[in-house]
Amino acid sequence: MDDSETGFNLKVVLVSFKQCLDEKEEVLLDPYIASWKGLVRFLNSLGTIFSFISKDVVSKLQIMERLRGGPQSEHYRSLQTMVAHELSNQLVDLEHRSHHPESGCRTVLRLHRALRWLQLFLEGLRTSPEDTRTSVLCTDSYNASLAAYHPWIVRRTVTVAFYALPTRKVFLEAMNVGPPEQAVQMLGEALPFIERVYNVSQKLYAEHSLLDLP
């Protein structure tokens, strides 16, 4: 396990998702990007096993940072303003990838799906018995989220790689919040912040029929 990221604490990262929602329950993109960067640090601290996810996430975060820093940045303040802007200006490929392969809507959708996988996996770590195999937890979480969007060869490669995952105890200790039982308690307190952001995003995408963007 690489603990070179001194000062890293998963609780701080998970709680930071609380800052993603404003009083109108709009998903603010700057804190969303920052919170995801913290999750990438956590994934990278576990070694290369999750690199297939973290590398893709990093590329998506770079796209969103370019949009936030570009001439239309005011339209990318929140998920809601982004969706309204890109749909009204036909900046989203709704059926086939063509002119807008790096639209904000498509990019955040990929982050949204990955967030669901991580949320399910962390919840599984929280609620599972001490001797539970993390490979099973991770595979179940993957099958319930990202697997539907990956070709068979990727699914096969990923699920085989999961067999090399460390124990549940090692995962909990990597969160840097104390002993395993303290990490379990922390997850119970902090995961609802991710769940809320996920649910608000899911509802918005469903309302605009954006959940299956190519």
N, C-alpha and C. Protein backbone atom coordinates (compact mmCIF):
# COMPACT_ATOMS: atom_id res chain seq x y z
N MET A 1 0.84 -1.20 0.00
CA MET A 1 0.00 0.00 0.00
C MET A 1 0.87 1.24 0.00
N ASP A 2 0.60 2.19 -0.87
CA ASP A 2 1.39 3.41 -0.96
C ASP A 2 0.77 4.49 -0.11
N ASP A 3 1.48 4.89 0.94
CA ASP A 3 0.96 5.92 1.82
C ASP A 3 1.72 7.22 1.64
N SER A 4 2.17 7.45 0.41
CA SER A 4 2.96 8.64 0.14
C SER A 4 2.11 9.91 0.20
N GLU A 5 0.80 9.74 0.11
CA GLU A 5 -0.09 10.90 0.16
C GLU A 5 -0.28 11.29 1.62
N THR A 6 0.69 11.97 2.22
CA THR A 6 0.62 12.31 3.63
C THR A 6 -0.55 13.23 3.90
N GLY A 7 -1.20 12.99 5.05
CA GLY A 7 -2.33 13.81 5.42
C GLY A 7 -3.64 13.39 4.79
N PHE A 8 -3.62 12.36 3.94
CA PHE A 8 -4.86 11.93 3.29
C PHE A 8 -5.80 11.31 4.31
N ASN A 9 -7.06 11.65 4.21
CA ASN A 9 -8.09 11.13 5.11
C ASN A 9 -9.37 10.99 4.31
N LEU A 10 -9.87 9.76 4.17
CA LEU A 10 -11.03 9.54 3.32
C LEU A 10 -12.27 10.23 3.87
N LYS A 11 -12.37 10.38 5.18
CA LYS A 11 -13.54 11.06 5.73
C LYS A 11 -13.64 12.49 5.20
N VAL A 12 -12.51 13.19 5.15
CA VAL A 12 -12.50 14.55 4.64
C VAL A 12 -13.00 14.58 3.20
N VAL A 13 -12.58 13.59 2.41
CA VAL A 13 -13.00 13.52 1.01
C VAL A 13 -14.50 13.27 0.89
N LEU A 14 -15.00 12.29 1.65
CA LEU A 14 -16.41 11.95 1.54
C LEU A 14 -17.30 13.09 2.03
N VAL A 15 -16.90 13.71 3.14
CA VAL A 15 -17.69 14.82 3.67
C VAL A 15 -17.66 16.02 2.72
N SER A 16 -16.58 16.13 1.94
CA SER A 16 -16.48 17.26 1.00
C SER A 16 -17.61 17.23 -0.03
N PHE A 17 -18.20 16.06 -0.26
CA PHE A 17 -19.32 15.99 -1.20
C PHE A 17 -20.52 16.77 -0.69
N LYS A 18 -20.54 17.05 0.61
CA LYS A 18 -21.62 17.87 1.18
C LYS A 18 -21.60 19.26 0.57
N GLN A 19 -20.39 19.75 0.22
CA GLN A 19 -20.24 21.08 -0.35
C GLN A 19 -20.70 21.14 -1.81
N CYS A 20 -20.97 20.00 -2.41
CA CYS A 20 -21.37 19.97 -3.83
C CYS A 20 -22.79 20.46 -4.06
N LEU A 21 -23.62 20.45 -3.02
CA LEU A 21 -25.01 20.86 -3.17
C LEU A 21 -25.23 22.22 -2.53
N ASP A 22 -25.81 23.15 -3.29
CA ASP A 22 -26.13 24.45 -2.72
C ASP A 22 -27.54 24.42 -2.13
N GLU A 23 -28.03 25.58 -1.70
CA GLU A 23 -29.34 25.62 -1.04
C GLU A 23 -30.49 25.25 -1.97
N LYS A 24 -30.25 25.35 -3.28
CA LYS A 24 -31.26 24.94 -4.26
C LYS A 24 -31.11 23.48 -4.67
N GLU A 25 -30.14 22.81 -4.05
CA GLU A 25 -29.79 21.43 -4.39
C GLU A 25 -29.29 21.31 -5.83
N GLU A 26 -28.59 22.33 -6.27
CA GLU A 26 -27.86 22.23 -7.52
C GLU A 26 -26.48 21.63 -7.22
N VAL A 27 -26.00 20.79 -8.14
CA VAL A 27 -24.69 20.16 -7.97
C VAL A 27 -23.62 21.11 -8.50
N LEU A 28 -22.85 21.71 -7.60
CA LEU A 28 -21.82 22.66 -7.99
C LEU A 28 -20.60 21.91 -8.51
N LEU A 29 -20.13 22.30 -9.70
CA LEU A 29 -19.12 21.51 -10.37
C LEU A 29 -17.71 21.68 -9.79
N ASP A 30 -17.37 22.85 -9.27
CA ASP A 30 -16.03 23.02 -8.70
C ASP A 30 -15.81 22.08 -7.50
N PRO A 31 -16.72 22.06 -6.51
CA PRO A 31 -16.54 21.11 -5.40
C PRO A 31 -16.67 19.66 -5.85
N TYR A 32 -17.48 19.40 -6.88
CA TYR A 32 -17.63 18.04 -7.40
C TYR A 32 -16.30 17.55 -7.97
N ILE A 33 -15.64 18.40 -8.76
CA ILE A 33 -14.34 18.04 -9.32
C ILE A 33 -13.32 17.85 -8.21
N ALA A 34 -13.31 18.76 -7.24
CA ALA A 34 -12.35 18.67 -6.14
C ALA A 34 -12.57 17.40 -5.32
N SER A 35 -13.82 17.05 -5.07
CA SER A 35 -14.12 15.84 -4.30
C SER A 35 -13.69 14.59 -5.05
N TRP A 36 -13.88 14.58 -6.35
CA TRP A 36 -13.46 13.44 -7.16
C TRP A 36 -11.93 13.30 -7.14
N LYS A 37 -11.23 14.41 -7.12
CA LYS A 37 -9.76 14.33 -7.05
C LYS A 37 -9.33 13.63 -5.77
N GLY A 38 -10.06 13.88 -4.68
CA GLY A 38 -9.77 13.19 -3.44
C GLY A 38 -10.01 11.71 -3.53
N LEU A 39 -11.09 11.32 -4.22
CA LEU A 39 -11.37 9.90 -4.41
C LEU A 39 -10.29 9.23 -5.26
N VAL A 40 -9.78 9.96 -6.25
CA VAL A 40 -8.69 9.41 -7.07
C VAL A 40 -7.45 9.17 -6.21
N ARG A 41 -7.17 10.07 -5.29
CA ARG A 41 -6.03 9.86 -4.38
C ARG A 41 -6.22 8.58 -3.58
N PHE A 42 -7.43 8.35 -3.12
CA PHE A 42 -7.71 7.14 -2.36
C PHE A 42 -7.50 5.90 -3.23
N LEU A 43 -8.04 5.90 -4.45
CA LEU A 43 -7.89 4.76 -5.35
C LEU A 43 -6.41 4.51 -5.66
N ASN A 44 -5.67 5.58 -5.92
CA ASN A 44 -4.25 5.43 -6.25
C ASN A 44 -3.44 4.94 -5.06
N SER A 45 -3.88 5.25 -3.84
CA SER A 45 -3.15 4.80 -2.65
C SER A 45 -3.24 3.28 -2.50
N LEU A 46 -4.19 2.66 -3.19
CA LEU A 46 -4.38 1.22 -3.11
C LEU A 46 -3.56 0.46 -4.15
N GLY A 47 -2.74 1.18 -4.91
CA GLY A 47 -1.92 0.54 -5.92
C GLY A 47 -2.53 0.64 -7.30
N THR A 48 -2.09 -0.21 -8.20
CA THR A 48 -2.51 -0.11 -9.61
C THR A 48 -3.80 -0.84 -9.92
N ILE A 49 -4.37 -1.52 -8.95
CA ILE A 49 -5.52 -2.39 -9.21
C ILE A 49 -6.72 -1.61 -9.75
N PHE A 50 -6.86 -0.33 -9.33
CA PHE A 50 -7.99 0.47 -9.78
C PHE A 50 -7.60 1.48 -10.84
N SER A 51 -6.43 1.31 -11.45
CA SER A 51 -5.97 2.30 -12.42
C SER A 51 -6.89 2.39 -13.63
N PHE A 52 -7.57 1.29 -13.96
CA PHE A 52 -8.48 1.32 -15.12
C PHE A 52 -9.61 2.32 -14.89
N ILE A 53 -9.97 2.55 -13.64
CA ILE A 53 -11.00 3.53 -13.30
C ILE A 53 -10.38 4.90 -13.07
N SER A 54 -9.32 4.96 -12.27
CA SER A 54 -8.77 6.26 -11.89
C SER A 54 -8.21 7.02 -13.09
N LYS A 55 -7.59 6.32 -14.04
CA LYS A 55 -7.06 7.00 -15.22
C LYS A 55 -8.18 7.60 -16.06
N ASP A 56 -9.27 6.88 -16.20
CA ASP A 56 -10.41 7.40 -16.96
C ASP A 56 -11.03 8.58 -16.23
N VAL A 57 -11.13 8.47 -14.91
CA VAL A 57 -11.69 9.57 -14.12
C VAL A 57 -10.84 10.82 -14.27
N VAL A 58 -9.52 10.67 -14.20
CA VAL A 58 -8.63 11.83 -14.33
C VAL A 58 -8.82 12.51 -15.69
N SER A 59 -8.96 11.73 -16.75
CA SER A 59 -9.15 12.33 -18.09
C SER A 59 -10.48 13.08 -18.15
N LYS A 60 -11.50 12.55 -17.48
CA LYS A 60 -12.80 13.22 -17.46
C LYS A 60 -12.74 14.50 -16.62
N LEU A 61 -12.01 14.47 -15.52
CA LEU A 61 -11.87 15.67 -14.70
C LEU A 61 -11.15 16.76 -15.46
N GLN A 62 -10.17 16.38 -16.28
CA GLN A 62 -9.44 17.37 -17.08
C GLN A 62 -10.37 18.04 -18.10
N ILE A 63 -11.27 17.27 -18.68
CA ILE A 63 -12.24 17.85 -19.61
C ILE A 63 -13.12 18.86 -18.89
N MET A 64 -13.59 18.49 -17.70
CA MET A 64 -14.47 19.39 -16.95
C MET A 64 -13.73 20.65 -16.50
N GLU A 65 -12.46 20.51 -16.16
CA GLU A 65 -11.69 21.70 -15.77
C GLU A 65 -11.49 22.64 -16.95
N ARG A 66 -11.34 22.08 -18.15
CA ARG A 66 -11.22 22.93 -19.34
C ARG A 66 -12.53 23.69 -19.59
N LEU A 67 -13.64 23.02 -19.41
CA LEU A 67 -14.94 23.68 -19.60
C LEU A 67 -15.15 24.77 -18.54
N ARG A 68 -14.74 24.47 -17.30
CA ARG A 68 -14.89 25.45 -16.22
C ARG A 68 -13.98 26.66 -16.43
N GLY A 69 -12.86 26.45 -17.12
CA GLY A 69 -11.93 27.54 -17.34
C GLY A 69 -12.06 28.20 -18.70
N GLY A 70 -13.03 27.73 -19.50
CA GLY A 70 -13.20 28.24 -20.85
C GLY A 70 -14.09 29.46 -20.93
N PRO A 71 -14.34 29.94 -22.15
CA PRO A 71 -15.12 31.17 -22.35
C PRO A 71 -16.59 31.04 -21.93
N GLN A 72 -17.09 29.81 -21.82
CA GLN A 72 -18.48 29.59 -21.41
C GLN A 72 -18.57 29.11 -19.96
N SER A 73 -17.58 29.48 -19.17
CA SER A 73 -17.46 28.92 -17.82
C SER A 73 -18.70 29.16 -16.95
N GLU A 74 -19.37 30.29 -17.16
CA GLU A 74 -20.55 30.57 -16.31
C GLU A 74 -21.65 29.54 -16.50
N HIS A 75 -21.68 28.90 -17.68
CA HIS A 75 -22.69 27.87 -17.94
C HIS A 75 -22.31 26.53 -17.30
N TYR A 76 -21.09 26.44 -16.78
CA TYR A 76 -20.61 25.21 -16.17
C TYR A 76 -20.39 25.38 -14.66
N ARG A 77 -21.16 26.28 -14.07
CA ARG A 77 -21.10 26.49 -12.63
C ARG A 77 -21.69 25.31 -11.89
N SER A 78 -22.78 24.77 -12.41
CA SER A 78 -23.45 23.64 -11.76
C SER A 78 -23.87 22.62 -12.81
N LEU A 79 -24.22 21.46 -12.34
CA LEU A 79 -24.70 20.41 -13.25
C LEU A 79 -25.97 20.87 -13.95
N GLN A 80 -26.82 21.55 -13.23
CA GLN A 80 -28.09 22.01 -13.78
C GLN A 80 -27.89 23.07 -14.87
N THR A 81 -27.00 24.04 -14.62
CA THR A 81 -26.77 25.07 -15.65
C THR A 81 -26.07 24.47 -16.86
N MET A 82 -25.21 23.47 -16.64
CA MET A 82 -24.52 22.81 -17.74
C MET A 82 -25.49 22.07 -18.64
N VAL A 83 -26.37 21.29 -18.03
CA VAL A 83 -27.36 20.53 -18.80
C VAL A 83 -28.24 21.48 -19.62
N ALA A 84 -28.73 22.55 -18.98
CA ALA A 84 -29.58 23.51 -19.69
C ALA A 84 -28.84 24.15 -20.86
N HIS A 85 -27.59 24.53 -20.64
CA HIS A 85 -26.80 25.19 -21.69
C HIS A 85 -26.52 24.24 -22.85
N GLU A 86 -26.04 23.04 -22.55
CA GLU A 86 -25.66 22.14 -23.64
C GLU A 86 -26.86 21.62 -24.42
N LEU A 87 -27.96 21.38 -23.75
CA LEU A 87 -29.15 20.91 -24.47
C LEU A 87 -29.75 22.03 -25.33
N SER A 88 -29.82 23.24 -24.79
CA SER A 88 -30.43 24.33 -25.55
C SER A 88 -29.58 24.74 -26.74
N ASN A 89 -28.29 24.47 -26.67
CA ASN A 89 -27.39 24.83 -27.78
C ASN A 89 -26.95 23.62 -28.61
N GLN A 90 -27.61 22.49 -28.39
CA GLN A 90 -27.34 21.26 -29.14
C GLN A 90 -25.85 20.89 -29.10
N LEU A 91 -25.31 20.90 -27.87
CA LEU A 91 -23.89 20.57 -27.68
C LEU A 91 -23.70 19.16 -27.15
N VAL A 92 -24.75 18.34 -27.22
CA VAL A 92 -24.70 16.97 -26.70
C VAL A 92 -25.05 16.00 -27.82
N ASP A 93 -24.25 14.96 -28.00
CA ASP A 93 -24.59 13.89 -28.94
C ASP A 93 -25.56 12.95 -28.22
N LEU A 94 -26.83 13.00 -28.61
CA LEU A 94 -27.85 12.26 -27.88
C LEU A 94 -27.98 10.80 -28.32
N GLU A 95 -27.67 10.50 -29.57
CA GLU A 95 -27.87 9.14 -30.08
C GLU A 95 -26.58 8.49 -30.57
N HIS A 96 -25.72 9.26 -31.20
CA HIS A 96 -24.47 8.71 -31.73
C HIS A 96 -23.34 9.70 -31.43
N ARG A 97 -22.16 9.17 -31.09
CA ARG A 97 -21.02 10.04 -30.87
C ARG A 97 -20.60 10.65 -32.19
N SER A 98 -20.59 11.98 -32.26
CA SER A 98 -20.20 12.62 -33.51
C SER A 98 -19.47 13.94 -33.23
N HIS A 99 -20.22 15.05 -33.16
CA HIS A 99 -19.58 16.36 -33.09
C HIS A 99 -19.16 16.77 -31.68
N HIS A 100 -19.73 16.13 -30.65
CA HIS A 100 -19.48 16.60 -29.28
C HIS A 100 -19.07 15.43 -28.37
N PRO A 101 -17.96 14.75 -28.67
CA PRO A 101 -17.56 13.60 -27.87
C PRO A 101 -17.11 13.97 -26.45
N GLU A 102 -16.80 15.26 -26.25
CA GLU A 102 -16.35 15.69 -24.93
C GLU A 102 -17.31 16.71 -24.32
N SER A 103 -18.60 16.52 -24.57
CA SER A 103 -19.59 17.40 -23.95
C SER A 103 -19.55 17.22 -22.43
N GLY A 104 -19.94 18.26 -21.72
CA GLY A 104 -19.98 18.16 -20.27
C GLY A 104 -20.97 17.11 -19.80
N CYS A 105 -22.10 17.02 -20.47
CA CYS A 105 -23.13 16.05 -20.07
C CYS A 105 -22.61 14.62 -20.17
N ARG A 106 -21.94 14.30 -21.27
CA ARG A 106 -21.40 12.95 -21.43
C ARG A 106 -20.28 12.70 -20.42
N THR A 107 -19.44 13.69 -20.23
CA THR A 107 -18.29 13.53 -19.34
C THR A 107 -18.73 13.29 -17.90
N VAL A 108 -19.66 14.10 -17.41
CA VAL A 108 -20.14 13.94 -16.03
C VAL A 108 -20.89 12.62 -15.88
N LEU A 109 -21.57 12.18 -16.93
CA LEU A 109 -22.27 10.90 -16.86
C LEU A 109 -21.29 9.77 -16.55
N ARG A 110 -20.12 9.80 -17.15
CA ARG A 110 -19.11 8.76 -16.88
C ARG A 110 -18.62 8.84 -15.44
N LEU A 111 -18.44 10.06 -14.93
CA LEU A 111 -18.05 10.23 -13.53
C LEU A 111 -19.18 9.77 -12.61
N HIS A 112 -20.39 10.06 -13.00
CA HIS A 112 -21.58 9.68 -12.24
C HIS A 112 -21.67 8.16 -12.09
N ARG A 113 -21.42 7.44 -13.16
CA ARG A 113 -21.46 5.97 -13.11
C ARG A 113 -20.35 5.43 -12.22
N ALA A 114 -19.16 6.00 -12.33
CA ALA A 114 -18.04 5.55 -11.51
C ALA A 114 -18.30 5.85 -10.04
N LEU A 115 -18.96 6.97 -9.77
CA LEU A 115 -19.29 7.31 -8.38
C LEU A 115 -20.24 6.29 -7.78
N ARG A 116 -21.15 5.80 -8.58
CA ARG A 116 -22.08 4.77 -8.11
C ARG A 116 -21.32 3.49 -7.73
N TRP A 117 -20.36 3.10 -8.57
CA TRP A 117 -19.57 1.91 -8.25
C TRP A 117 -18.84 2.08 -6.93
N LEU A 118 -18.19 3.22 -6.76
CA LEU A 118 -17.41 3.44 -5.55
C LEU A 118 -18.31 3.52 -4.32
N GLN A 119 -19.45 4.17 -4.47
CA GLN A 119 -20.41 4.25 -3.37
C GLN A 119 -20.86 2.85 -2.94
N LEU A 120 -21.20 2.01 -3.90
CA LEU A 120 -21.66 0.65 -3.59
C LEU A 120 -20.55 -0.16 -2.95
N PHE A 121 -19.33 -0.01 -3.44
CA PHE A 121 -18.21 -0.77 -2.90
C PHE A 121 -17.91 -0.36 -1.46
N LEU A 122 -17.87 0.94 -1.20
CA LEU A 122 -17.61 1.42 0.16
C LEU A 122 -18.73 1.02 1.12
N GLU A 123 -19.96 1.05 0.63
CA GLU A 123 -21.08 0.61 1.46
C GLU A 123 -20.96 -0.88 1.77
N GLY A 124 -20.50 -1.64 0.78
CA GLY A 124 -20.27 -3.06 1.00
C GLY A 124 -19.20 -3.31 2.05
N LEU A 125 -18.12 -2.53 1.99
CA LEU A 125 -17.07 -2.65 3.01
C LEU A 125 -17.62 -2.31 4.39
N ARG A 126 -18.51 -1.34 4.45
CA ARG A 126 -19.07 -0.91 5.74
C ARG A 126 -19.95 -1.97 6.38
N THR A 127 -20.77 -2.62 5.58
CA THR A 127 -21.80 -3.51 6.12
C THR A 127 -21.40 -4.98 6.14
N SER A 128 -20.29 -5.34 5.53
CA SER A 128 -19.94 -6.75 5.40
C SER A 128 -19.24 -7.28 6.64
N PRO A 129 -19.28 -8.60 6.88
CA PRO A 129 -18.53 -9.22 7.98
C PRO A 129 -17.03 -9.08 7.76
N GLU A 130 -16.27 -9.26 8.82
CA GLU A 130 -14.83 -9.03 8.79
C GLU A 130 -14.11 -9.93 7.79
N ASP A 131 -14.62 -11.15 7.61
CA ASP A 131 -13.92 -12.11 6.73
C ASP A 131 -14.44 -12.09 5.30
N THR A 132 -15.24 -11.11 4.95
CA THR A 132 -15.77 -11.02 3.59
C THR A 132 -14.65 -10.79 2.58
N ARG A 133 -14.71 -11.48 1.46
CA ARG A 133 -13.72 -11.30 0.40
C ARG A 133 -14.00 -10.01 -0.36
N THR A 134 -13.02 -9.12 -0.39
CA THR A 134 -13.22 -7.85 -1.07
C THR A 134 -13.41 -8.03 -2.57
N SER A 135 -12.85 -9.11 -3.12
CA SER A 135 -13.04 -9.36 -4.55
C SER A 135 -14.51 -9.56 -4.87
N VAL A 136 -15.23 -10.22 -3.98
CA VAL A 136 -16.67 -10.44 -4.17
C VAL A 136 -17.42 -9.12 -4.04
N LEU A 137 -17.09 -8.34 -3.02
CA LEU A 137 -17.74 -7.04 -2.83
C LEU A 137 -17.54 -6.14 -4.04
N CYS A 138 -16.30 -6.09 -4.53
CA CYS A 138 -15.97 -5.20 -5.63
C CYS A 138 -16.63 -5.67 -6.93
N THR A 139 -16.66 -6.97 -7.14
CA THR A 139 -17.30 -7.52 -8.35
C THR A 139 -18.79 -7.26 -8.32
N ASP A 140 -19.42 -7.46 -7.18
CA ASP A 140 -20.86 -7.20 -7.07
C ASP A 140 -21.16 -5.73 -7.34
N SER A 141 -20.35 -4.84 -6.78
CA SER A 141 -20.55 -3.40 -6.99
C SER A 141 -20.33 -3.02 -8.45
N TYR A 142 -19.31 -3.60 -9.05
CA TYR A 142 -19.02 -3.35 -10.47
C TYR A 142 -20.16 -3.84 -11.36
N ASN A 143 -20.64 -5.05 -11.09
CA ASN A 143 -21.72 -5.61 -11.90
C ASN A 143 -23.00 -4.81 -11.78
N ALA A 144 -23.19 -4.14 -10.65
CA ALA A 144 -24.40 -3.35 -10.42
C ALA A 144 -24.27 -1.91 -10.94
N SER A 145 -23.12 -1.57 -11.51
CA SER A 145 -22.92 -0.19 -11.94
C SER A 145 -22.21 -0.11 -13.29
N LEU A 146 -20.89 -0.20 -13.29
CA LEU A 146 -20.10 0.06 -14.49
C LEU A 146 -20.14 -1.05 -15.53
N ALA A 147 -20.34 -2.28 -15.08
CA ALA A 147 -20.21 -3.42 -16.00
C ALA A 147 -21.13 -3.31 -17.21
N ALA A 148 -22.31 -2.76 -17.02
CA ALA A 148 -23.28 -2.67 -18.12
C ALA A 148 -22.78 -1.80 -19.27
N TYR A 149 -21.77 -0.97 -19.01
CA TYR A 149 -21.29 -0.04 -20.03
C TYR A 149 -19.92 -0.43 -20.59
N HIS A 150 -19.42 -1.60 -20.17
CA HIS A 150 -18.13 -2.06 -20.66
C HIS A 150 -18.30 -3.29 -21.55
N PRO A 151 -17.47 -3.44 -22.58
CA PRO A 151 -17.52 -4.66 -23.41
C PRO A 151 -17.07 -5.87 -22.59
N TRP A 152 -17.40 -7.04 -23.11
CA TRP A 152 -17.15 -8.29 -22.37
C TRP A 152 -15.70 -8.44 -21.98
N ILE A 153 -14.78 -8.14 -22.88
CA ILE A 153 -13.36 -8.36 -22.61
C ILE A 153 -12.89 -7.49 -21.45
N VAL A 154 -13.41 -6.26 -21.37
CA VAL A 154 -13.05 -5.37 -20.25
C VAL A 154 -13.64 -5.92 -18.95
N ARG A 155 -14.89 -6.35 -19.00
CA ARG A 155 -15.52 -6.91 -17.80
C ARG A 155 -14.74 -8.11 -17.29
N ARG A 156 -14.33 -8.97 -18.20
CA ARG A 156 -13.59 -10.17 -17.82
C ARG A 156 -12.24 -9.80 -17.19
N THR A 157 -11.52 -8.90 -17.83
CA THR A 157 -10.21 -8.48 -17.32
C THR A 157 -10.32 -7.84 -15.94
N VAL A 158 -11.31 -7.00 -15.79
CA VAL A 158 -11.49 -6.28 -14.53
C VAL A 158 -11.84 -7.23 -13.39
N THR A 159 -12.79 -8.12 -13.63
CA THR A 159 -13.23 -9.01 -12.55
C THR A 159 -12.12 -10.00 -12.16
N VAL A 160 -11.29 -10.40 -13.11
CA VAL A 160 -10.15 -11.25 -12.76
C VAL A 160 -9.16 -10.46 -11.90
N ALA A 161 -8.94 -9.19 -12.26
CA ALA A 161 -8.00 -8.36 -11.50
C ALA A 161 -8.46 -8.16 -10.06
N PHE A 162 -9.77 -8.17 -9.85
CA PHE A 162 -10.30 -7.95 -8.50
C PHE A 162 -9.86 -9.04 -7.52
N TYR A 163 -9.49 -10.20 -8.04
CA TYR A 163 -9.05 -11.29 -7.15
C TYR A 163 -7.77 -10.93 -6.40
N ALA A 164 -7.05 -9.92 -6.89
CA ALA A 164 -5.80 -9.51 -6.24
C ALA A 164 -6.02 -8.42 -5.19
N LEU A 165 -7.26 -8.06 -4.92
CA LEU A 165 -7.53 -7.00 -3.96
C LEU A 165 -7.10 -7.40 -2.56
N PRO A 166 -6.64 -6.42 -1.76
CA PRO A 166 -6.26 -6.71 -0.37
C PRO A 166 -7.49 -7.02 0.48
N THR A 167 -7.27 -7.35 1.72
CA THR A 167 -8.36 -7.72 2.63
C THR A 167 -9.20 -6.51 3.01
N ARG A 168 -10.34 -6.78 3.57
CA ARG A 168 -11.22 -5.71 4.05
C ARG A 168 -10.51 -4.85 5.08
N LYS A 169 -9.76 -5.48 5.97
CA LYS A 169 -9.02 -4.74 7.01
C LYS A 169 -8.03 -3.76 6.39
N VAL A 170 -7.34 -4.18 5.36
CA VAL A 170 -6.36 -3.32 4.70
C VAL A 170 -7.07 -2.12 4.06
N PHE A 171 -8.21 -2.36 3.42
CA PHE A 171 -8.98 -1.26 2.82
C PHE A 171 -9.38 -0.25 3.88
N LEU A 172 -9.91 -0.74 4.99
CA LEU A 172 -10.39 0.16 6.04
C LEU A 172 -9.23 0.96 6.65
N GLU A 173 -8.08 0.32 6.80
CA GLU A 173 -6.92 1.03 7.35
C GLU A 173 -6.40 2.08 6.37
N ALA A 174 -6.57 1.84 5.06
CA ALA A 174 -6.09 2.78 4.06
C ALA A 174 -6.88 4.09 4.07
N MET A 175 -8.01 4.09 4.74
CA MET A 175 -8.83 5.30 4.81
C MET A 175 -8.23 6.34 5.77
N ASN A 176 -7.27 5.91 6.59
CA ASN A 176 -6.54 6.81 7.48
C ASN A 176 -7.45 7.56 8.46
N VAL A 177 -8.40 6.85 9.03
CA VAL A 177 -9.27 7.48 10.04
C VAL A 177 -9.21 6.73 11.37
N GLY A 178 -8.26 5.80 11.50
CA GLY A 178 -8.15 5.04 12.74
C GLY A 178 -8.32 3.56 12.49
N PRO A 179 -8.61 2.78 13.53
CA PRO A 179 -8.78 1.34 13.38
C PRO A 179 -10.01 1.00 12.52
N PRO A 180 -10.11 -0.25 12.05
CA PRO A 180 -11.19 -0.64 11.15
C PRO A 180 -12.59 -0.28 11.66
N GLU A 181 -12.84 -0.49 12.96
CA GLU A 181 -14.19 -0.19 13.47
C GLU A 181 -14.51 1.30 13.39
N GLN A 182 -13.48 2.13 13.51
CA GLN A 182 -13.68 3.57 13.38
C GLN A 182 -13.94 3.94 11.92
N ALA A 183 -13.27 3.26 11.01
CA ALA A 183 -13.50 3.49 9.58
C ALA A 183 -14.92 3.11 9.19
N VAL A 184 -15.42 2.01 9.76
CA VAL A 184 -16.79 1.57 9.48
C VAL A 184 -17.78 2.63 9.95
N GLN A 185 -17.55 3.16 11.14
CA GLN A 185 -18.42 4.21 11.67
C GLN A 185 -18.38 5.45 10.79
N MET A 186 -17.17 5.82 10.34
CA MET A 186 -17.02 6.98 9.48
C MET A 186 -17.80 6.82 8.19
N LEU A 187 -17.73 5.63 7.58
CA LEU A 187 -18.45 5.39 6.33
C LEU A 187 -19.95 5.57 6.53
N GLY A 188 -20.46 5.11 7.66
CA GLY A 188 -21.88 5.27 7.93
C GLY A 188 -22.30 6.73 8.03
N GLU A 189 -21.39 7.56 8.52
CA GLU A 189 -21.68 8.99 8.67
C GLU A 189 -21.48 9.77 7.38
N ALA A 190 -20.49 9.36 6.57
CA ALA A 190 -20.07 10.17 5.43
C ALA A 190 -20.64 9.74 4.08
N LEU A 191 -20.91 8.45 3.91
CA LEU A 191 -21.41 7.98 2.61
C LEU A 191 -22.73 8.62 2.19
N PRO A 192 -23.63 8.98 3.11
CA PRO A 192 -24.87 9.64 2.68
C PRO A 192 -24.64 10.92 1.88
N PHE A 193 -23.50 11.59 2.07
CA PHE A 193 -23.22 12.81 1.30
C PHE A 193 -23.02 12.47 -0.17
N ILE A 194 -22.30 11.38 -0.44
CA ILE A 194 -22.12 10.93 -1.82
C ILE A 194 -23.45 10.48 -2.41
N GLU A 195 -24.21 9.75 -1.61
CA GLU A 195 -25.49 9.23 -2.09
C GLU A 195 -26.43 10.36 -2.49
N ARG A 196 -26.43 11.44 -1.70
CA ARG A 196 -27.31 12.56 -2.01
C ARG A 196 -26.93 13.21 -3.34
N VAL A 197 -25.64 13.43 -3.54
CA VAL A 197 -25.16 14.02 -4.79
C VAL A 197 -25.50 13.10 -5.96
N TYR A 198 -25.30 11.81 -5.76
CA TYR A 198 -25.61 10.84 -6.81
C TYR A 198 -27.10 10.90 -7.16
N ASN A 199 -27.96 10.91 -6.15
CA ASN A 199 -29.40 10.87 -6.38
C ASN A 199 -29.90 12.13 -7.10
N VAL A 200 -29.39 13.29 -6.71
CA VAL A 200 -29.78 14.54 -7.37
C VAL A 200 -29.35 14.52 -8.84
N SER A 201 -28.13 14.04 -9.08
CA SER A 201 -27.61 13.95 -10.45
C SER A 201 -28.41 12.94 -11.27
N GLN A 202 -28.71 11.81 -10.68
CA GLN A 202 -29.48 10.77 -11.36
C GLN A 202 -30.85 11.29 -11.77
N LYS A 203 -31.50 12.00 -10.88
CA LYS A 203 -32.83 12.55 -11.17
C LYS A 203 -32.77 13.55 -12.32
N LEU A 204 -31.78 14.42 -12.29
CA LEU A 204 -31.63 15.42 -13.35
C LEU A 204 -31.41 14.76 -14.71
N TYR A 205 -30.50 13.79 -14.76
CA TYR A 205 -30.22 13.11 -16.02
C TYR A 205 -31.43 12.31 -16.51
N ALA A 206 -32.15 11.71 -15.59
CA ALA A 206 -33.35 10.95 -15.98
C ALA A 206 -34.42 11.87 -16.55
N GLU A 207 -34.59 13.02 -15.94
CA GLU A 207 -35.61 13.97 -16.41
C GLU A 207 -35.34 14.44 -17.83
N HIS A 208 -34.07 14.49 -18.21
CA HIS A 208 -33.71 14.97 -19.55
C HIS A 208 -33.29 13.82 -20.48
N SER A 209 -33.55 12.59 -20.07
CA SER A 209 -33.25 11.40 -20.89
C SER A 209 -31.78 11.37 -21.31
N LEU A 210 -30.90 11.59 -20.33
CA LEU A 210 -29.47 11.65 -20.61
C LEU A 210 -28.68 10.47 -20.03
N LEU A 211 -29.37 9.50 -19.47
CA LEU A 211 -28.67 8.42 -18.77
C LEU A 211 -27.99 7.42 -19.69
N ASP A 212 -28.29 7.47 -20.98
CA ASP A 212 -27.69 6.52 -21.92
C ASP A 212 -26.94 7.21 -23.05
N LEU A 213 -26.33 8.34 -22.75
CA LEU A 213 -25.59 9.05 -23.79
C LEU A 213 -24.47 8.18 -24.35
N PRO A 214 -24.29 8.18 -25.67
CA PRO A 214 -23.25 7.33 -26.27
C PRO A 214 -21.85 7.85 -25.97
